[in-house]
């Protein structure tokens, strides 16, 4: 760190039907963060009327105060859960919009479907954002948002969104890393026994989970190896050897349990891995090698098949600012 970070205060919005993990995960990460043994984040829980609320799991949460656009807190965290009740709640949406437009460095952080509240308040217009993959139909209500539901998290100036539930921890770690440096974020990750940074998107984890829940242990181990090492030369023969079966049997089992051929599965994993690397502003040729494509042309073709746009068009919308063209 070039300079010592200042401690920040955080309002955590709680409401009837809130997802408890959307609250507890990121808040625990922030609460654990230290810089030179100093606590860096102080939070309080706020509800619309300052009264207790009941989470979706039945746990009652006490509020420390009432949500207000006059709060002196630096940042506002909006978790997911039963957010649909608030998408037309003018008072709440006005508070969110006011916090987003306020001067200073205050941030709005959404977890899971909390992003829908931000969208309804208009603060995500023209921003890349994500939310839980199950909300794919609902996000179409907000066409001015550049939704990318395969992302784990997004940042657009002072607005942050995350995909859902445990990815709230990923986003909190990213913010801690940004505020306090690698060492502080790594210490939090170690304390919470989580990865400092996951690569890939929601679809990759969905495919990985589907593989873990197949009744075929050999297939499960193969899928885990593909996800962990997308850069390997995963020919059909290599995949079959890794699973301990012939290629025809392997293809049948992939189609049965994952509803796609082995080669398409590998390509999807590689594209997801490449997207994570692209967000770190790694040179395109390096991305192509590290994600297993080997060369840019193969990676370009894969992006075209997956998204229906070329790699340059993808980067112009979803890539970091310095990726202005295919290099």
C-alpha atoms as a PDB file:
ATOM      1  CA  UNK A   1       0.000   0.000   0.000  1.00  0.00           C
ATOM      2  CA  UNK A   2       1.245   3.493  -0.867  1.00  0.00           C
ATOM      3  CA  UNK A   3      -0.487   5.025   2.148  1.00  0.00           C
ATOM      4  CA  UNK A   4      -2.293   3.889   5.238  1.00  0.00           C
ATOM      5  CA  UNK A   5      -5.985   3.201   4.522  1.00  0.00           C
ATOM      6  CA  UNK A   6      -8.588   4.922   6.624  1.00  0.00           C
ATOM      7  CA  UNK A   7     -11.222   2.917   8.520  1.00  0.00           C
ATOM      8  CA  UNK A   8     -14.657   2.882   6.867  1.00  0.00           C
ATOM      9  CA  UNK A   9     -18.195   2.669   8.200  1.00  0.00           C
ATOM     10  CA  UNK A  10     -20.839   0.480   6.599  1.00  0.00           C
ATOM     11  CA  UNK A  11     -24.629   0.441   6.830  1.00  0.00           C
ATOM     12  CA  UNK A  12     -26.083  -3.035   6.228  1.00  0.00           C
ATOM     13  CA  UNK A  13     -29.702  -2.980   5.083  1.00  0.00           C
ATOM     14  CA  UNK A  14     -31.806  -5.763   6.632  1.00  0.00           C
ATOM     15  CA  UNK A  15     -35.420  -6.555   5.817  1.00  0.00           C
ATOM     16  CA  UNK A  16     -38.105  -9.217   6.130  1.00  0.00           C
ATOM     17  CA  UNK A  17     -37.025 -12.265   4.117  1.00  0.00           C
ATOM     18  CA  UNK A  18     -33.374 -11.269   3.776  1.00  0.00           C
ATOM     19  CA  UNK A  19     -30.948 -14.093   2.961  1.00  0.00           C
ATOM     20  CA  UNK A  20     -28.860 -14.500   6.107  1.00  0.00           C
ATOM     21  CA  UNK A  21     -25.738 -15.606   4.201  1.00  0.00           C
ATOM     22  CA  UNK A  22     -25.911 -12.505   2.023  1.00  0.00           C
ATOM     23  CA  UNK A  23     -25.603 -10.525   5.251  1.00  0.00           C
ATOM     24  CA  UNK A  24     -23.318 -12.687   7.372  1.00  0.00           C
ATOM     25  CA  UNK A  25     -20.747 -13.631   4.712  1.00  0.00           C
ATOM     26  CA  UNK A  26     -19.537 -10.206   3.589  1.00  0.00           C
ATOM     27  CA  UNK A  27     -20.057  -8.607   7.015  1.00  0.00           C
ATOM     28  CA  UNK A  28     -17.885 -11.261   8.652  1.00  0.00           C
ATOM     29  CA  UNK A  29     -15.171 -10.655   6.058  1.00  0.00           C
ATOM     30  CA  UNK A  30     -15.246  -6.894   6.658  1.00  0.00           C
ATOM     31  CA  UNK A  31     -15.334  -7.375  10.428  1.00  0.00           C
ATOM     32  CA  UNK A  32     -12.248  -9.614  10.279  1.00  0.00           C
ATOM     33  CA  UNK A  33     -10.139  -7.185   8.224  1.00  0.00           C
ATOM     34  CA  UNK A  34      -7.186  -5.567   9.989  1.00  0.00           C
ATOM     35  CA  UNK A  35      -4.367  -3.258   8.921  1.00  0.00           C
ATOM     36  CA  UNK A  36      -1.452  -3.085  11.356  1.00  0.00           C
ATOM     37  CA  UNK A  37      -3.770  -4.718  13.918  1.00  0.00           C
ATOM     38  CA  UNK A  38      -6.352  -1.927  13.492  1.00  0.00           C
ATOM     39  CA  UNK A  39      -9.938  -2.797  12.654  1.00  0.00           C
ATOM     40  CA  UNK A  40     -10.742  -1.306   9.262  1.00  0.00           C
ATOM     41  CA  UNK A  41     -14.525  -1.609   8.947  1.00  0.00           C
ATOM     42  CA  UNK A  42     -17.278  -0.744  11.423  1.00  0.00           C
ATOM     43  CA  UNK A  43     -20.843  -1.683  10.568  1.00  0.00           C
ATOM     44  CA  UNK A  44     -24.362  -1.272  11.822  1.00  0.00           C
ATOM     45  CA  UNK A  45     -27.604  -2.924  10.740  1.00  0.00           C
ATOM     46  CA  UNK A  46     -30.398  -0.696   9.480  1.00  0.00           C
ATOM     47  CA  UNK A  47     -33.991  -1.513   8.558  1.00  0.00           C
ATOM     48  CA  UNK A  48     -36.617   0.700   6.947  1.00  0.00           C
ATOM     49  CA  UNK A  49     -38.241   1.559  10.284  1.00  0.00           C
ATOM     50  CA  UNK A  50     -35.441   0.675  12.692  1.00  0.00           C
ATOM     51  CA  UNK A  51     -37.280  -2.395  13.972  1.00  0.00           C
ATOM     52  CA  UNK A  52     -36.139  -6.055  14.052  1.00  0.00           C
ATOM     53  CA  UNK A  53     -36.686  -8.199  10.962  1.00  0.00           C
ATOM     54  CA  UNK A  54     -36.907 -11.925  10.348  1.00  0.00           C
ATOM     55  CA  UNK A  55     -34.543 -13.486   7.803  1.00  0.00           C
ATOM     56  CA  UNK A  56     -35.808 -16.057   5.306  1.00  0.00           C
ATOM     57  CA  UNK A  57     -34.376 -18.845   7.493  1.00  0.00           C
ATOM     58  CA  UNK A  58     -36.433 -17.633  10.478  1.00  0.00           C
ATOM     59  CA  UNK A  59     -33.631 -15.911  12.413  1.00  0.00           C
ATOM     60  CA  UNK A  60     -34.590 -12.556  13.928  1.00  0.00           C
ATOM     61  CA  UNK A  61     -32.114  -9.746  13.282  1.00  0.00           C
ATOM     62  CA  UNK A  62     -31.976  -6.648  15.467  1.00  0.00           C
ATOM     63  CA  UNK A  63     -31.571  -3.275  13.777  1.00  0.00           C
ATOM     64  CA  UNK A  64     -29.221  -0.632  15.151  1.00  0.00           C
ATOM     65  CA  UNK A  65     -31.110   2.133  13.425  1.00  0.00           C
ATOM     66  CA  UNK A  66     -33.210   3.268  10.490  1.00  0.00           C
ATOM     67  CA  UNK A  67     -32.074   3.393   6.872  1.00  0.00           C
ATOM     68  CA  UNK A  68     -31.615   6.998   5.784  1.00  0.00           C
ATOM     69  CA  UNK A  69     -29.922   8.943   3.026  1.00  0.00           C
ATOM     70  CA  UNK A  70     -28.572  11.198   5.798  1.00  0.00           C
ATOM     71  CA  UNK A  71     -26.558   8.412   7.394  1.00  0.00           C
ATOM     72  CA  UNK A  72     -22.929   9.353   8.001  1.00  0.00           C
ATOM     73  CA  UNK A  73     -21.796   5.847   7.015  1.00  0.00           C
ATOM     74  CA  UNK A  74     -19.333   5.662   4.138  1.00  0.00           C
ATOM     75  CA  UNK A  75     -20.884   2.672   2.390  1.00  0.00           C
ATOM     76  CA  UNK A  76     -24.228   0.908   2.043  1.00  0.00           C
ATOM     77  CA  UNK A  77     -24.563  -2.856   1.638  1.00  0.00           C
ATOM     78  CA  UNK A  78     -27.798  -4.249   0.202  1.00  0.00           C
ATOM     79  CA  UNK A  79     -28.168  -8.040   0.481  1.00  0.00           C
ATOM     80  CA  UNK A  80     -30.529 -10.271  -1.436  1.00  0.00           C
ATOM     81  CA  UNK A  81     -33.462 -12.455  -0.514  1.00  0.00           C
ATOM     82  CA  UNK A  82     -37.034 -11.214  -0.646  1.00  0.00           C
ATOM     83  CA  UNK A  83     -36.201  -8.040  -2.558  1.00  0.00           C
ATOM     84  CA  UNK A  84     -39.198  -8.100  -4.918  1.00  0.00           C
ATOM     85  CA  UNK A  85     -41.303  -6.340  -2.282  1.00  0.00           C
ATOM     86  CA  UNK A  86     -39.032  -3.301  -2.608  1.00  0.00           C
ATOM     87  CA  UNK A  87     -38.746  -2.894  -6.362  1.00  0.00           C
ATOM     88  CA  UNK A  88     -41.569  -0.363  -6.319  1.00  0.00           C
ATOM     89  CA  UNK A  89     -40.832   1.066  -2.860  1.00  0.00           C
ATOM     90  CA  UNK A  90     -40.293   4.749  -3.676  1.00  0.00           C
ATOM     91  CA  UNK A  91     -38.839   5.764  -0.322  1.00  0.00           C
ATOM     92  CA  UNK A  92     -36.186   3.025  -0.387  1.00  0.00           C
ATOM     93  CA  UNK A  93     -35.307   3.602  -4.038  1.00  0.00           C
ATOM     94  CA  UNK A  94     -34.922   7.332  -3.431  1.00  0.00           C
ATOM     95  CA  UNK A  95     -32.514   6.656  -0.547  1.00  0.00           C
ATOM     96  CA  UNK A  96     -30.441   4.319  -2.722  1.00  0.00           C
ATOM     97  CA  UNK A  97     -30.371   6.821  -5.584  1.00  0.00           C
ATOM     98  CA  UNK A  98     -29.380   9.628  -3.215  1.00  0.00           C
ATOM     99  CA  UNK A  99     -26.543   7.562  -1.738  1.00  0.00           C
ATOM    100  CA  UNK A 100     -25.299   6.718  -5.226  1.00  0.00           C
ATOM    101  CA  UNK A 101     -25.268  10.344  -6.351  1.00  0.00           C
ATOM    102  CA  UNK A 102     -23.768  11.783  -3.173  1.00  0.00           C
ATOM    103  CA  UNK A 103     -20.324  13.342  -3.380  1.00  0.00           C
ATOM    104  CA  UNK A 104     -17.323  11.618  -1.863  1.00  0.00           C
ATOM    105  CA  UNK A 105     -16.125   8.051  -2.074  1.00  0.00           C
ATOM    106  CA  UNK A 106     -19.171   6.306  -0.590  1.00  0.00           C
ATOM    107  CA  UNK A 107     -19.947   2.944  -2.165  1.00  0.00           C
ATOM    108  CA  UNK A 108     -23.073   0.894  -2.698  1.00  0.00           C
ATOM    109  CA  UNK A 109     -22.476  -2.838  -2.511  1.00  0.00           C
ATOM    110  CA  UNK A 110     -25.144  -5.334  -3.539  1.00  0.00           C
ATOM    111  CA  UNK A 111     -25.145  -9.030  -2.793  1.00  0.00           C
ATOM    112  CA  UNK A 112     -27.117 -11.483  -4.937  1.00  0.00           C
ATOM    113  CA  UNK A 113     -30.594 -10.184  -5.822  1.00  0.00           C
ATOM    114  CA  UNK A 114     -29.891  -6.954  -3.946  1.00  0.00           C
ATOM    115  CA  UNK A 115     -28.710  -5.742  -7.363  1.00  0.00           C
ATOM    116  CA  UNK A 116     -32.360  -5.587  -8.436  1.00  0.00           C
ATOM    117  CA  UNK A 117     -32.965  -2.832  -5.880  1.00  0.00           C
ATOM    118  CA  UNK A 118     -30.059  -0.905  -7.375  1.00  0.00           C
ATOM    119  CA  UNK A 119     -31.466  -1.471 -10.852  1.00  0.00           C
ATOM    120  CA  UNK A 120     -34.931  -0.317  -9.806  1.00  0.00           C
ATOM    121  CA  UNK A 121     -33.369   2.829  -8.324  1.00  0.00           C
ATOM    122  CA  UNK A 122     -31.684   3.536 -11.664  1.00  0.00           C
ATOM    123  CA  UNK A 123     -28.140   3.489 -10.302  1.00  0.00           C
ATOM    124  CA  UNK A 124     -27.071   0.589 -12.531  1.00  0.00           C
ATOM    125  CA  UNK A 125     -28.080   2.197 -15.830  1.00  0.00           C
ATOM    126  CA  UNK A 126     -25.233   1.836 -18.371  1.00  0.00           C
ATOM    127  CA  UNK A 127     -23.230  -0.172 -15.807  1.00  0.00           C
ATOM    128  CA  UNK A 128     -22.038  -3.760 -16.070  1.00  0.00           C
ATOM    129  CA  UNK A 129     -23.715  -5.671 -13.234  1.00  0.00           C
ATOM    130  CA  UNK A 130     -24.425  -9.179 -12.055  1.00  0.00           C
ATOM    131  CA  UNK A 131     -26.849 -10.969  -9.777  1.00  0.00           C
ATOM    132  CA  UNK A 132     -27.921 -14.540  -9.072  1.00  0.00           C
ATOM    133  CA  UNK A 133     -28.345 -16.652 -12.203  1.00  0.00           C
ATOM    134  CA  UNK A 134     -31.905 -17.581 -11.195  1.00  0.00           C
ATOM    135  CA  UNK A 135     -32.883 -13.933 -11.730  1.00  0.00           C
ATOM    136  CA  UNK A 136     -32.191 -14.084 -15.467  1.00  0.00           C
ATOM    137  CA  UNK A 137     -35.844 -13.489 -16.392  1.00  0.00           C
ATOM    138  CA  UNK A 138     -36.303 -10.686 -13.858  1.00  0.00           C
ATOM    139  CA  UNK A 139     -33.302  -8.659 -14.989  1.00  0.00           C
ATOM    140  CA  UNK A 140     -34.909  -8.215 -18.410  1.00  0.00           C
ATOM    141  CA  UNK A 141     -37.137  -5.673 -16.658  1.00  0.00           C
ATOM    142  CA  UNK A 142     -34.104  -3.384 -16.524  1.00  0.00           C
ATOM    143  CA  UNK A 143     -32.763  -3.258 -20.110  1.00  0.00           C
ATOM    144  CA  UNK A 144     -30.562  -0.212 -19.447  1.00  0.00           C
ATOM    145  CA  UNK A 145     -28.288  -2.312 -17.242  1.00  0.00           C
ATOM    146  CA  UNK A 146     -25.448  -4.230 -18.914  1.00  0.00           C
ATOM    147  CA  UNK A 147     -26.214  -7.511 -17.175  1.00  0.00           C
ATOM    148  CA  UNK A 148     -23.506 -10.182 -17.173  1.00  0.00           C
ATOM    149  CA  UNK A 149     -24.928 -12.997 -15.081  1.00  0.00           C
ATOM    150  CA  UNK A 150     -21.883 -15.179 -15.562  1.00  0.00           C
ATOM    151  CA  UNK A 151     -19.691 -12.815 -13.550  1.00  0.00           C
ATOM    152  CA  UNK A 152     -18.889 -13.478  -9.889  1.00  0.00           C
ATOM    153  CA  UNK A 153     -18.768  -9.751  -9.158  1.00  0.00           C
ATOM    154  CA  UNK A 154     -18.556  -6.381 -10.890  1.00  0.00           C
ATOM    155  CA  UNK A 155     -17.317  -2.892 -10.082  1.00  0.00           C
ATOM    156  CA  UNK A 156     -18.481   0.263 -11.821  1.00  0.00           C
ATOM    157  CA  UNK A 157     -16.951   3.330 -10.163  1.00  0.00           C
ATOM    158  CA  UNK A 158     -18.528   3.294  -6.675  1.00  0.00           C
ATOM    159  CA  UNK A 159     -21.143   0.618  -7.415  1.00  0.00           C
ATOM    160  CA  UNK A 160     -20.374  -3.050  -6.715  1.00  0.00           C
ATOM    161  CA  UNK A 161     -22.508  -6.126  -7.422  1.00  0.00           C
ATOM    162  CA  UNK A 162     -22.032  -9.824  -6.734  1.00  0.00           C
ATOM    163  CA  UNK A 163     -23.619 -12.955  -8.117  1.00  0.00           C
ATOM    164  CA  UNK A 164     -25.123 -14.431  -5.020  1.00  0.00           C
ATOM    165  CA  UNK A 165     -24.768 -15.879  -1.533  1.00  0.00           C
ATOM    166  CA  UNK A 166     -21.134 -16.977  -1.044  1.00  0.00           C
ATOM    167  CA  UNK A 167     -19.898 -14.654  -3.794  1.00  0.00           C
ATOM    168  CA  UNK A 168     -20.662 -11.854  -1.344  1.00  0.00           C
ATOM    169  CA  UNK A 169     -17.545 -13.039   0.476  1.00  0.00           C
ATOM    170  CA  UNK A 170     -15.582 -12.908  -2.794  1.00  0.00           C
ATOM    171  CA  UNK A 171     -16.701  -9.333  -3.355  1.00  0.00           C
ATOM    172  CA  UNK A 172     -15.900  -8.314   0.225  1.00  0.00           C
ATOM    173  CA  UNK A 173     -12.409  -9.783  -0.136  1.00  0.00           C
ATOM    174  CA  UNK A 174     -11.902  -7.874  -3.388  1.00  0.00           C
ATOM    175  CA  UNK A 175     -12.916  -4.622  -1.668  1.00  0.00           C
ATOM    176  CA  UNK A 176     -10.658  -5.334   1.325  1.00  0.00           C
ATOM    177  CA  UNK A 177      -7.812  -6.032  -1.084  1.00  0.00           C
ATOM    178  CA  UNK A 178      -8.523  -2.758  -2.878  1.00  0.00           C
ATOM    179  CA  UNK A 179      -8.694  -0.770   0.377  1.00  0.00           C
ATOM    180  CA  UNK A 180      -6.069  -2.464   2.533  1.00  0.00           C
ATOM    181  CA  UNK A 181      -3.815  -4.458   0.233  1.00  0.00           C
ATOM    182  CA  UNK A 182      -3.097  -8.091  -0.546  1.00  0.00           C
ATOM    183  CA  UNK A 183      -1.765  -9.040   2.870  1.00  0.00           C
ATOM    184  CA  UNK A 184      -4.882  -7.887   4.716  1.00  0.00           C
ATOM    185  CA  UNK A 185      -7.222  -9.626   2.262  1.00  0.00           C
ATOM    186  CA  UNK A 186      -5.165 -12.815   2.370  1.00  0.00           C
ATOM    187  CA  UNK A 187      -5.307 -12.867   6.156  1.00  0.00           C
ATOM    188  CA  UNK A 188      -9.108 -12.587   6.043  1.00  0.00           C
ATOM    189  CA  UNK A 189      -9.306 -15.376   3.460  1.00  0.00           C
ATOM    190  CA  UNK A 190      -7.128 -17.599   5.636  1.00  0.00           C
ATOM    191  CA  UNK A 191      -9.192 -16.869   8.729  1.00  0.00           C
ATOM    192  CA  UNK A 192     -12.427 -17.676   6.890  1.00  0.00           C
ATOM    193  CA  UNK A 193     -10.856 -20.650   5.055  1.00  0.00           C
ATOM    194  CA  UNK A 194     -11.944 -19.428   1.612  1.00  0.00           C
ATOM    195  CA  UNK A 195     -10.157 -18.646  -1.642  1.00  0.00           C
ATOM    196  CA  UNK A 196      -8.826 -15.123  -1.955  1.00  0.00           C
ATOM    197  CA  UNK A 197     -10.074 -14.970  -5.532  1.00  0.00           C
ATOM    198  CA  UNK A 198     -12.075 -17.440  -7.561  1.00  0.00           C
ATOM    199  CA  UNK A 199     -11.694 -17.608 -11.317  1.00  0.00           C
ATOM    200  CA  UNK A 200     -14.504 -18.415 -13.716  1.00  0.00           C
ATOM    201  CA  UNK A 201     -18.154 -17.484 -13.642  1.00  0.00           C
ATOM    202  CA  UNK A 202     -21.456 -18.777 -12.352  1.00  0.00           C
ATOM    203  CA  UNK A 203     -21.894 -21.169 -15.262  1.00  0.00           C
ATOM    204  CA  UNK A 204     -18.534 -22.777 -14.539  1.00  0.00           C
ATOM    205  CA  UNK A 205     -19.533 -23.469 -10.956  1.00  0.00           C
ATOM    206  CA  UNK A 206     -22.918 -24.748 -12.063  1.00  0.00           C
ATOM    207  CA  UNK A 207     -21.224 -27.211 -14.420  1.00  0.00           C
ATOM    208  CA  UNK A 208     -18.692 -28.154 -11.766  1.00  0.00           C
ATOM    209  CA  UNK A 209     -21.445 -28.838  -9.243  1.00  0.00           C
ATOM    210  CA  UNK A 210     -23.379 -30.886 -11.758  1.00  0.00           C
ATOM    211  CA  UNK A 211     -20.272 -33.010 -12.226  1.00  0.00           C
ATOM    212  CA  UNK A 212     -19.789 -33.418  -8.486  1.00  0.00           C
ATOM    213  CA  UNK A 213     -23.300 -34.764  -8.143  1.00  0.00           C
ATOM    214  CA  UNK A 214     -23.018 -37.416 -10.813  1.00  0.00           C
ATOM    215  CA  UNK A 215     -22.975 -41.013  -9.561  1.00  0.00           C
ATOM    216  CA  UNK A 216     -19.743 -41.586 -11.502  1.00  0.00           C
ATOM    217  CA  UNK A 217     -16.694 -40.815  -9.327  1.00  0.00           C
ATOM    218  CA  UNK A 218     -14.341 -41.118 -12.311  1.00  0.00           C
ATOM    219  CA  UNK A 219     -16.293 -38.466 -14.208  1.00  0.00           C
ATOM    220  CA  UNK A 220     -16.382 -36.227 -11.136  1.00  0.00           C
ATOM    221  CA  UNK A 221     -12.601 -36.359 -10.739  1.00  0.00           C
ATOM    222  CA  UNK A 222     -12.120 -35.648 -14.435  1.00  0.00           C
ATOM    223  CA  UNK A 223     -14.375 -32.580 -14.268  1.00  0.00           C
ATOM    224  CA  UNK A 224     -12.487 -31.286 -11.241  1.00  0.00           C
ATOM    225  CA  UNK A 225      -9.213 -31.701 -13.126  1.00  0.00           C
ATOM    226  CA  UNK A 226     -10.543 -29.836 -16.178  1.00  0.00           C
ATOM    227  CA  UNK A 227     -11.729 -26.929 -14.033  1.00  0.00           C
ATOM    228  CA  UNK A 228      -8.434 -26.810 -12.126  1.00  0.00           C
ATOM    229  CA  UNK A 229      -6.218 -27.173 -15.217  1.00  0.00           C
ATOM    230  CA  UNK A 230      -7.991 -25.805 -18.313  1.00  0.00           C
ATOM    231  CA  UNK A 231      -4.603 -25.203 -19.974  1.00  0.00           C
ATOM    232  CA  UNK A 232      -3.915 -28.937 -20.354  1.00  0.00           C
ATOM    233  CA  UNK A 233      -4.238 -30.570 -23.778  1.00  0.00           C
ATOM    234  CA  UNK A 234      -7.703 -32.021 -23.232  1.00  0.00           C
ATOM    235  CA  UNK A 235      -8.154 -34.067 -26.388  1.00  0.00           C
ATOM    236  CA  UNK A 236     -10.941 -36.626 -26.376  1.00  0.00           C
ATOM    237  CA  UNK A 237      -8.379 -39.389 -25.884  1.00  0.00           C
ATOM    238  CA  UNK A 238      -6.777 -37.520 -22.977  1.00  0.00           C
ATOM    239  CA  UNK A 239     -10.195 -36.984 -21.385  1.00  0.00           C
ATOM    240  CA  UNK A 240     -11.080 -40.654 -21.791  1.00  0.00           C
ATOM    241  CA  UNK A 241      -7.772 -41.728 -20.291  1.00  0.00           C
ATOM    242  CA  UNK A 242      -8.297 -39.338 -17.364  1.00  0.00           C
ATOM    243  CA  UNK A 243     -11.702 -40.855 -16.700  1.00  0.00           C
ATOM    244  CA  UNK A 244     -10.515 -44.427 -17.139  1.00  0.00           C
ATOM    245  CA  UNK A 245     -12.969 -45.276 -19.907  1.00  0.00           C
ATOM    246  CA  UNK A 246     -13.078 -45.325 -23.685  1.00  0.00           C
ATOM    247  CA  UNK A 247     -14.070 -42.219 -25.627  1.00  0.00           C
ATOM    248  CA  UNK A 248     -17.512 -43.491 -26.637  1.00  0.00           C
ATOM    249  CA  UNK A 249     -18.446 -44.270 -23.034  1.00  0.00           C
ATOM    250  CA  UNK A 250     -17.112 -40.898 -21.917  1.00  0.00           C
ATOM    251  CA  UNK A 251     -19.196 -39.066 -24.526  1.00  0.00           C
ATOM    252  CA  UNK A 252     -22.338 -40.937 -23.498  1.00  0.00           C
ATOM    253  CA  UNK A 253     -21.812 -40.064 -19.841  1.00  0.00           C
ATOM    254  CA  UNK A 254     -21.114 -36.396 -20.531  1.00  0.00           C
ATOM    255  CA  UNK A 255     -24.306 -36.165 -22.575  1.00  0.00           C
ATOM    256  CA  UNK A 256     -26.264 -38.019 -19.905  1.00  0.00           C
ATOM    257  CA  UNK A 257     -25.102 -36.082 -16.860  1.00  0.00           C
ATOM    258  CA  UNK A 258     -24.078 -32.695 -18.290  1.00  0.00           C
ATOM    259  CA  UNK A 259     -26.191 -32.547 -21.444  1.00  0.00           C
ATOM    260  CA  UNK A 260     -23.288 -31.658 -23.727  1.00  0.00           C
ATOM    261  CA  UNK A 261     -20.306 -33.397 -25.388  1.00  0.00           C
ATOM    262  CA  UNK A 262     -16.887 -33.435 -23.671  1.00  0.00           C
ATOM    263  CA  UNK A 263     -15.302 -30.987 -26.124  1.00  0.00           C
ATOM    264  CA  UNK A 264     -18.036 -28.399 -25.551  1.00  0.00           C
ATOM    265  CA  UNK A 265     -17.671 -28.777 -21.797  1.00  0.00           C
ATOM    266  CA  UNK A 266     -13.925 -28.129 -22.036  1.00  0.00           C
ATOM    267  CA  UNK A 267     -14.506 -25.085 -24.240  1.00  0.00           C
ATOM    268  CA  UNK A 268     -17.013 -23.595 -21.799  1.00  0.00           C
ATOM    269  CA  UNK A 269     -14.589 -24.043 -18.917  1.00  0.00           C
ATOM    270  CA  UNK A 270     -11.809 -22.430 -20.946  1.00  0.00           C
ATOM    271  CA  UNK A 271     -13.967 -19.461 -21.947  1.00  0.00           C
ATOM    272  CA  UNK A 272     -14.959 -18.885 -18.318  1.00  0.00           C
ATOM    273  CA  UNK A 273     -11.331 -19.100 -17.239  1.00  0.00           C
ATOM    274  CA  UNK A 274     -10.341 -16.677 -20.001  1.00  0.00           C
ATOM    275  CA  UNK A 275     -12.973 -14.180 -18.866  1.00  0.00           C
ATOM    276  CA  UNK A 276     -11.499 -14.162 -15.373  1.00  0.00           C
ATOM    277  CA  UNK A 277      -8.032 -13.525 -16.774  1.00  0.00           C
ATOM    278  CA  UNK A 278      -9.309 -10.790 -19.080  1.00  0.00           C
ATOM    279  CA  UNK A 279     -10.762  -8.916 -16.104  1.00  0.00           C
ATOM    280  CA  UNK A 280      -7.214  -8.767 -14.693  1.00  0.00           C
ATOM    281  CA  UNK A 281      -5.986  -7.000 -17.847  1.00  0.00           C
ATOM    282  CA  UNK A 282      -3.605  -9.810 -18.826  1.00  0.00           C
ATOM    283  CA  UNK A 283      -2.353  -9.650 -22.454  1.00  0.00           C
ATOM    284  CA  UNK A 284      -4.653 -11.525 -24.807  1.00  0.00           C
ATOM    285  CA  UNK A 285      -2.031 -13.955 -26.074  1.00  0.00           C
ATOM    286  CA  UNK A 286      -1.183 -14.889 -22.469  1.00  0.00           C
ATOM    287  CA  UNK A 287      -4.882 -15.355 -21.728  1.00  0.00           C
ATOM    288  CA  UNK A 288      -5.208 -17.679 -24.721  1.00  0.00           C
ATOM    289  CA  UNK A 289      -2.314 -19.815 -23.503  1.00  0.00           C
ATOM    290  CA  UNK A 290      -3.260 -19.897 -19.817  1.00  0.00           C
ATOM    291  CA  UNK A 291      -6.873 -20.773 -20.548  1.00  0.00           C
ATOM    292  CA  UNK A 292      -5.922 -23.643 -22.847  1.00  0.00           C
ATOM    293  CA  UNK A 293      -6.755 -22.226 -26.263  1.00  0.00           C
ATOM    294  CA  UNK A 294      -3.116 -21.990 -27.221  1.00  0.00           C
ATOM    295  CA  UNK A 295      -3.570 -19.158 -29.700  1.00  0.00           C
ATOM    296  CA  UNK A 296      -5.771 -16.114 -30.154  1.00  0.00           C
ATOM    297  CA  UNK A 297      -7.612 -17.416 -33.195  1.00  0.00           C
ATOM    298  CA  UNK A 298      -9.005 -20.405 -31.310  1.00  0.00           C
ATOM    299  CA  UNK A 299     -10.022 -18.168 -28.419  1.00  0.00           C
ATOM    300  CA  UNK A 300     -11.739 -15.722 -30.771  1.00  0.00           C
ATOM    301  CA  UNK A 301     -13.747 -18.535 -32.367  1.00  0.00           C
ATOM    302  CA  UNK A 302     -14.771 -19.859 -28.937  1.00  0.00           C
ATOM    303  CA  UNK A 303     -16.021 -16.428 -27.811  1.00  0.00           C
ATOM    304  CA  UNK A 304     -17.960 -16.073 -31.049  1.00  0.00           C
ATOM    305  CA  UNK A 305     -19.646 -19.446 -30.508  1.00  0.00           C
ATOM    306  CA  UNK A 306     -20.388 -18.762 -26.856  1.00  0.00           C
ATOM    307  CA  UNK A 307     -21.631 -15.169 -26.996  1.00  0.00           C
ATOM    308  CA  UNK A 308     -22.438 -14.531 -30.656  1.00  0.00           C
ATOM    309  CA  UNK A 309     -20.027 -11.578 -30.754  1.00  0.00           C
ATOM    310  CA  UNK A 310     -16.340 -11.356 -31.515  1.00  0.00           C
ATOM    311  CA  UNK A 311     -13.714 -10.960 -28.829  1.00  0.00           C
ATOM    312  CA  UNK A 312     -13.162  -7.278 -29.536  1.00  0.00           C
ATOM    313  CA  UNK A 313     -16.885  -6.541 -29.125  1.00  0.00           C
ATOM    314  CA  UNK A 314     -16.936  -8.530 -25.890  1.00  0.00           C
ATOM    315  CA  UNK A 315     -13.979  -6.565 -24.508  1.00  0.00           C
ATOM    316  CA  UNK A 316     -15.510  -3.226 -25.474  1.00  0.00           C
ATOM    317  CA  UNK A 317     -18.451  -3.941 -23.162  1.00  0.00           C
ATOM    318  CA  UNK A 318     -17.145  -6.236 -20.452  1.00  0.00           C
ATOM    319  CA  UNK A 319     -13.370  -5.888 -20.551  1.00  0.00           C
ATOM    320  CA  UNK A 320     -11.146  -3.535 -18.523  1.00  0.00           C
ATOM    321  CA  UNK A 321     -10.660  -0.064 -19.986  1.00  0.00           C
ATOM    322  CA  UNK A 322      -7.158  -0.789 -21.257  1.00  0.00           C
ATOM    323  CA  UNK A 323      -8.367  -3.673 -23.460  1.00  0.00           C
ATOM    324  CA  UNK A 324      -9.593  -1.367 -26.195  1.00  0.00           C
ATOM    325  CA  UNK A 325      -8.824  -3.708 -29.006  1.00  0.00           C
ATOM    326  CA  UNK A 326      -7.658  -7.232 -29.718  1.00  0.00           C
ATOM    327  CA  UNK A 327      -3.891  -7.231 -29.389  1.00  0.00           C
END
